[in-house]
């Protein structure tokens, strides 16, 4: 009997490992940030599913393109970075404000208690990426946008950008701990949540991550939720509420991609 239970347990572990291997293979074969695709490509993905087909039809009234991101747990931060920088390329004044905020962000994090030596490399790389996508760079919008696409598909640069955005998010949670504690479920303290759910790579993001990052950078995000909720209308949520969004994302359980309005 004991041998049977042991074999059963080993089989379960093997199935779990096989599932992880499949997920890793899918993830690794997907670009960090994909090419622009027509939104209607989602119909192929949900072919025969009446609920999702109806909701995609609703979504197509507002958006014409989608850009996929790798489903590796970093998709929100990577999608945010790509979409926001893409917006900044064509908005010189907003770019300059963001560049100044990003430049000053390291000192602010140090004041909050983050070790300077930990931040140094991530901040330098973050600023290099921002400089490389300046709207003032020669070649015009298309050339700079191509540079953005190239950079955020290079694992080293792309992951450093994600790490630094995670640190900025963590810093905002610490700075306004009393406020953000209300958004945390369970018995986590803010410090535990930051160290376990925000700062580590590959940890998925929830509303609290979006709210904190938007507040820290002064950005507006609209998330369209494609799920099996009632009705044929895709529900949208703006972060922060009442803000004009400059970043548009689609959320399907566990994953964020980038949307482009009509």
Protein backbone atom coordinates (compact mmCIF):
# COMPACT_ATOMS: atom_id res chain seq x y z
CA UNK A 1 0.00 0.00 0.00
CA UNK A 2 2.81 2.37 0.93
CA UNK A 3 4.58 1.55 -2.34
CA UNK A 4 1.38 2.34 -4.27
CA UNK A 5 1.07 5.74 -2.56
CA UNK A 6 4.71 6.49 -3.27
CA UNK A 7 4.31 5.61 -6.96
CA UNK A 8 1.14 7.70 -7.09
CA UNK A 9 3.00 10.65 -5.57
CA UNK A 10 5.89 10.26 -8.01
CA UNK A 11 3.44 10.21 -10.91
CA UNK A 12 1.82 13.45 -9.69
CA UNK A 13 5.23 15.10 -9.41
CA UNK A 14 6.11 13.93 -12.92
CA UNK A 15 2.87 15.35 -14.34
CA UNK A 16 3.49 18.69 -12.59
CA UNK A 17 7.07 18.81 -13.91
CA UNK A 18 5.91 17.99 -17.44
CA UNK A 19 3.35 20.79 -17.22
CA UNK A 20 6.06 23.21 -16.07
CA UNK A 21 8.32 22.12 -18.93
CA UNK A 22 5.51 22.71 -21.45
CA UNK A 23 4.79 26.16 -19.98
CA UNK A 24 8.50 27.05 -20.08
CA UNK A 25 8.78 25.91 -23.70
CA UNK A 26 5.79 28.06 -24.69
CA UNK A 27 7.18 31.02 -22.77
CA UNK A 28 10.70 30.72 -24.17
CA UNK A 29 9.43 30.43 -27.76
CA UNK A 30 7.40 33.66 -27.43
CA UNK A 31 9.17 36.99 -28.05
CA UNK A 32 9.47 39.25 -25.02
CA UNK A 33 7.34 41.73 -26.99
CA UNK A 34 5.73 40.66 -30.25
CA UNK A 35 4.87 42.37 -33.52
CA UNK A 36 1.73 44.43 -34.09
CA UNK A 37 -1.20 42.13 -34.96
CA UNK A 38 -4.82 42.84 -35.92
CA UNK A 39 -7.09 42.45 -32.91
CA UNK A 40 -9.14 39.97 -34.94
CA UNK A 41 -6.34 37.41 -34.42
CA UNK A 42 -8.03 36.72 -31.08
CA UNK A 43 -10.99 35.20 -32.93
CA UNK A 44 -8.74 32.39 -34.14
CA UNK A 45 -7.55 31.80 -30.59
CA UNK A 46 -11.11 31.52 -29.26
CA UNK A 47 -12.71 29.90 -32.31
CA UNK A 48 -15.99 28.22 -31.33
CA UNK A 49 -16.20 29.98 -27.97
CA UNK A 50 -19.38 32.08 -28.17
CA UNK A 51 -18.71 34.05 -24.97
CA UNK A 52 -15.24 35.20 -25.95
CA UNK A 53 -16.16 35.72 -29.62
CA UNK A 54 -18.94 38.14 -28.64
CA UNK A 55 -16.60 40.02 -26.30
CA UNK A 56 -13.86 40.25 -28.93
CA UNK A 57 -16.44 41.78 -31.29
CA UNK A 58 -17.13 44.40 -28.62
CA UNK A 59 -13.41 45.00 -28.13
CA UNK A 60 -12.91 45.42 -31.90
CA UNK A 61 -15.21 48.45 -31.81
CA UNK A 62 -12.59 50.27 -29.72
CA UNK A 63 -9.24 48.72 -30.69
CA UNK A 64 -7.66 47.63 -33.96
CA UNK A 65 -4.29 46.15 -32.94
CA UNK A 66 -2.79 43.99 -30.22
CA UNK A 67 0.85 43.37 -29.30
CA UNK A 68 1.56 40.23 -27.32
CA UNK A 69 4.08 39.93 -24.50
CA UNK A 70 5.81 36.83 -23.17
CA UNK A 71 3.70 35.06 -20.50
CA UNK A 72 6.50 34.85 -17.93
CA UNK A 73 5.02 36.66 -14.92
CA UNK A 74 6.66 39.94 -15.99
CA UNK A 75 4.07 40.69 -18.68
CA UNK A 76 2.43 43.65 -16.93
CA UNK A 77 5.69 45.51 -16.31
CA UNK A 78 7.03 44.74 -19.80
CA UNK A 79 3.76 45.76 -21.46
CA UNK A 80 3.64 48.94 -19.36
CA UNK A 81 7.24 49.86 -20.28
CA UNK A 82 6.75 49.25 -23.99
CA UNK A 83 3.40 51.00 -24.28
CA UNK A 84 4.39 54.02 -22.19
CA UNK A 85 7.69 54.55 -23.99
CA UNK A 86 5.91 54.17 -27.32
CA UNK A 87 3.58 56.98 -26.22
CA UNK A 88 6.50 59.14 -25.06
CA UNK A 89 8.27 58.83 -28.44
CA UNK A 90 5.54 60.98 -29.99
CA UNK A 91 5.08 63.32 -27.00
CA UNK A 92 8.21 65.36 -26.45
CA UNK A 93 7.03 67.35 -23.41
CA UNK A 94 5.76 64.21 -21.63
CA UNK A 95 9.04 62.48 -22.48
CA UNK A 96 11.10 65.26 -20.86
CA UNK A 97 8.97 65.15 -17.70
CA UNK A 98 9.35 61.38 -17.50
CA UNK A 99 13.10 61.55 -18.14
CA UNK A 100 13.51 63.98 -15.21
CA UNK A 101 11.32 61.84 -12.95
CA UNK A 102 13.30 58.71 -13.90
CA UNK A 103 16.62 60.49 -13.32
CA UNK A 104 15.54 61.56 -9.83
CA UNK A 105 13.96 58.20 -8.94
CA UNK A 106 17.17 56.55 -7.75
CA UNK A 107 17.82 59.22 -5.10
CA UNK A 108 14.22 58.91 -3.94
CA UNK A 109 14.56 55.14 -3.57
CA UNK A 110 17.82 55.59 -1.64
CA UNK A 111 16.00 58.00 0.71
CA UNK A 112 13.41 55.26 1.26
CA UNK A 113 16.16 52.88 2.35
CA UNK A 114 17.01 50.98 -0.83
CA UNK A 115 20.77 50.26 -1.04
CA UNK A 116 22.45 52.52 -3.59
CA UNK A 117 24.76 49.75 -4.84
CA UNK A 118 21.72 47.56 -5.60
CA UNK A 119 20.05 50.31 -7.64
CA UNK A 120 23.06 51.60 -9.56
CA UNK A 121 23.22 49.20 -12.52
CA UNK A 122 19.45 48.95 -12.93
CA UNK A 123 19.03 52.73 -12.87
CA UNK A 124 21.88 53.31 -15.33
CA UNK A 125 20.40 50.80 -17.78
CA UNK A 126 16.91 52.27 -17.32
CA UNK A 127 18.23 55.75 -18.16
CA UNK A 128 20.17 54.41 -21.16
CA UNK A 129 16.99 52.88 -22.56
CA UNK A 130 15.12 56.16 -22.04
CA UNK A 131 17.85 58.10 -23.86
CA UNK A 132 17.80 55.65 -26.77
CA UNK A 133 14.08 56.21 -27.34
CA UNK A 134 14.13 60.01 -27.15
CA UNK A 135 11.76 61.69 -29.64
CA UNK A 136 14.66 64.05 -30.43
CA UNK A 137 16.83 61.22 -31.77
CA UNK A 138 17.51 61.39 -35.53
CA UNK A 139 15.42 59.34 -37.92
CA UNK A 140 11.94 60.25 -36.75
CA UNK A 141 9.23 58.22 -35.03
CA UNK A 142 9.58 54.98 -37.01
CA UNK A 143 13.31 54.66 -36.41
CA UNK A 144 12.99 55.37 -32.68
CA UNK A 145 10.04 52.96 -32.38
CA UNK A 146 12.13 50.26 -34.07
CA UNK A 147 14.88 50.96 -31.55
CA UNK A 148 12.38 50.56 -28.69
CA UNK A 149 11.21 47.23 -30.12
CA UNK A 150 14.79 46.04 -30.47
CA UNK A 151 15.81 47.06 -26.94
CA UNK A 152 12.82 45.54 -25.15
CA UNK A 153 13.38 42.26 -26.99
CA UNK A 154 16.98 42.05 -25.77
CA UNK A 155 16.74 39.98 -22.60
CA UNK A 156 19.37 41.92 -20.66
CA UNK A 157 17.96 45.40 -21.30
CA UNK A 158 14.34 44.28 -21.11
CA UNK A 159 14.73 42.48 -17.79
CA UNK A 160 16.67 45.39 -16.24
CA UNK A 161 13.80 47.72 -17.19
CA UNK A 162 11.32 45.31 -15.57
CA UNK A 163 13.44 45.05 -12.41
CA UNK A 164 13.68 48.82 -12.08
CA UNK A 165 9.94 49.29 -12.56
CA UNK A 166 9.39 46.67 -9.86
CA UNK A 167 11.69 48.64 -7.53
CA UNK A 168 9.83 51.89 -8.27
CA UNK A 169 6.55 50.11 -7.50
CA UNK A 170 7.96 48.70 -4.27
CA UNK A 171 9.21 52.14 -3.28
CA UNK A 172 5.76 53.66 -3.77
CA UNK A 173 4.20 50.94 -1.62
CA UNK A 174 6.70 51.68 1.13
CA UNK A 175 6.27 55.45 0.83
CA UNK A 176 2.49 55.21 1.30
CA UNK A 177 2.34 51.98 3.29
CA UNK A 178 -0.71 52.95 5.35
CA UNK A 179 -2.79 53.57 2.21
CA UNK A 180 -1.67 50.47 0.28
CA UNK A 181 -2.06 48.13 3.25
CA UNK A 182 -5.82 48.33 2.57
CA UNK A 183 -5.35 46.64 -0.83
CA UNK A 184 -3.41 43.63 0.47
CA UNK A 185 -5.31 40.42 1.09
CA UNK A 186 -4.33 37.98 3.81
CA UNK A 187 -1.86 38.58 6.63
CA UNK A 188 0.92 40.16 4.57
CA UNK A 189 2.55 43.30 5.92
CA UNK A 190 3.54 45.87 3.30
CA UNK A 191 7.19 44.90 3.74
CA UNK A 192 6.46 41.19 3.28
CA UNK A 193 4.30 41.88 0.24
CA UNK A 194 6.97 44.08 -1.37
CA UNK A 195 9.75 41.54 -0.86
CA UNK A 196 7.69 38.48 -1.84
CA UNK A 197 5.19 39.69 -4.46
CA UNK A 198 6.57 42.87 -6.04
CA UNK A 199 10.37 42.93 -6.21
CA UNK A 200 11.08 39.33 -7.37
CA UNK A 201 11.07 38.67 -11.12
CA UNK A 202 8.35 36.44 -12.61
CA UNK A 203 5.80 37.35 -9.92
CA UNK A 204 2.44 38.19 -11.49
CA UNK A 205 0.90 41.63 -11.00
CA UNK A 206 -2.46 42.62 -9.54
CA UNK A 207 -4.36 45.89 -9.08
CA UNK A 208 -2.06 47.05 -6.29
CA UNK A 209 1.00 46.86 -8.57
CA UNK A 210 -0.77 48.89 -11.27
CA UNK A 211 -2.07 51.52 -8.85
CA UNK A 212 1.33 52.02 -7.21
CA UNK A 213 3.31 52.18 -10.47
CA UNK A 214 0.84 54.63 -12.05
CA UNK A 215 1.00 56.82 -8.95
CA UNK A 216 4.80 56.75 -8.90
CA UNK A 217 5.19 57.70 -12.58
CA UNK A 218 2.09 59.84 -13.09
CA UNK A 219 0.85 57.53 -15.85
CA UNK A 220 -2.70 56.50 -16.75
CA UNK A 221 -3.55 52.90 -17.67
CA UNK A 222 -6.78 51.43 -19.02
CA UNK A 223 -7.12 47.66 -18.61
CA UNK A 224 -9.75 45.79 -20.64
CA UNK A 225 -10.77 42.55 -18.90
CA UNK A 226 -11.49 39.71 -21.32
CA UNK A 227 -13.09 37.00 -19.20
CA UNK A 228 -16.23 34.89 -18.81
CA UNK A 229 -18.12 37.53 -16.87
CA UNK A 230 -21.77 38.13 -17.71
CA UNK A 231 -22.83 39.91 -20.87
CA UNK A 232 -21.12 40.65 -24.18
CA UNK A 233 -19.35 43.83 -23.08
CA UNK A 234 -15.69 43.84 -22.08
CA UNK A 235 -15.31 45.70 -18.80
CA UNK A 236 -12.58 48.33 -18.56
CA UNK A 237 -10.90 49.84 -15.52
CA UNK A 238 -8.83 53.02 -15.47
CA UNK A 239 -5.86 53.41 -13.13
CA UNK A 240 -6.01 55.84 -11.39
CA UNK A 241 -9.77 56.32 -11.70
CA UNK A 242 -10.73 59.43 -13.63
CA UNK A 243 -7.33 59.69 -15.35
CA UNK A 244 -7.01 59.95 -19.12
CA UNK A 245 -5.16 56.75 -20.10
CA UNK A 246 -2.03 56.78 -22.24
CA UNK A 247 -1.45 53.03 -21.89
CA UNK A 248 -4.02 50.44 -23.00
CA UNK A 249 -3.74 46.81 -21.91
CA UNK A 250 -5.87 43.70 -22.26
CA UNK A 251 -6.00 41.29 -19.34
CA UNK A 252 -6.84 37.65 -19.68
CA UNK A 253 -6.50 35.51 -16.54
CA UNK A 254 -2.83 35.68 -15.56
CA UNK A 255 -1.64 37.71 -18.55
CA UNK A 256 -1.39 41.24 -20.00
CA UNK A 257 -0.92 42.29 -23.64
CA UNK A 258 -0.86 45.75 -25.27
CA UNK A 259 -3.85 47.26 -27.10
CA UNK A 260 -4.01 50.05 -29.71
CA UNK A 261 -7.19 52.18 -29.89
CA UNK A 262 -8.97 52.84 -33.19
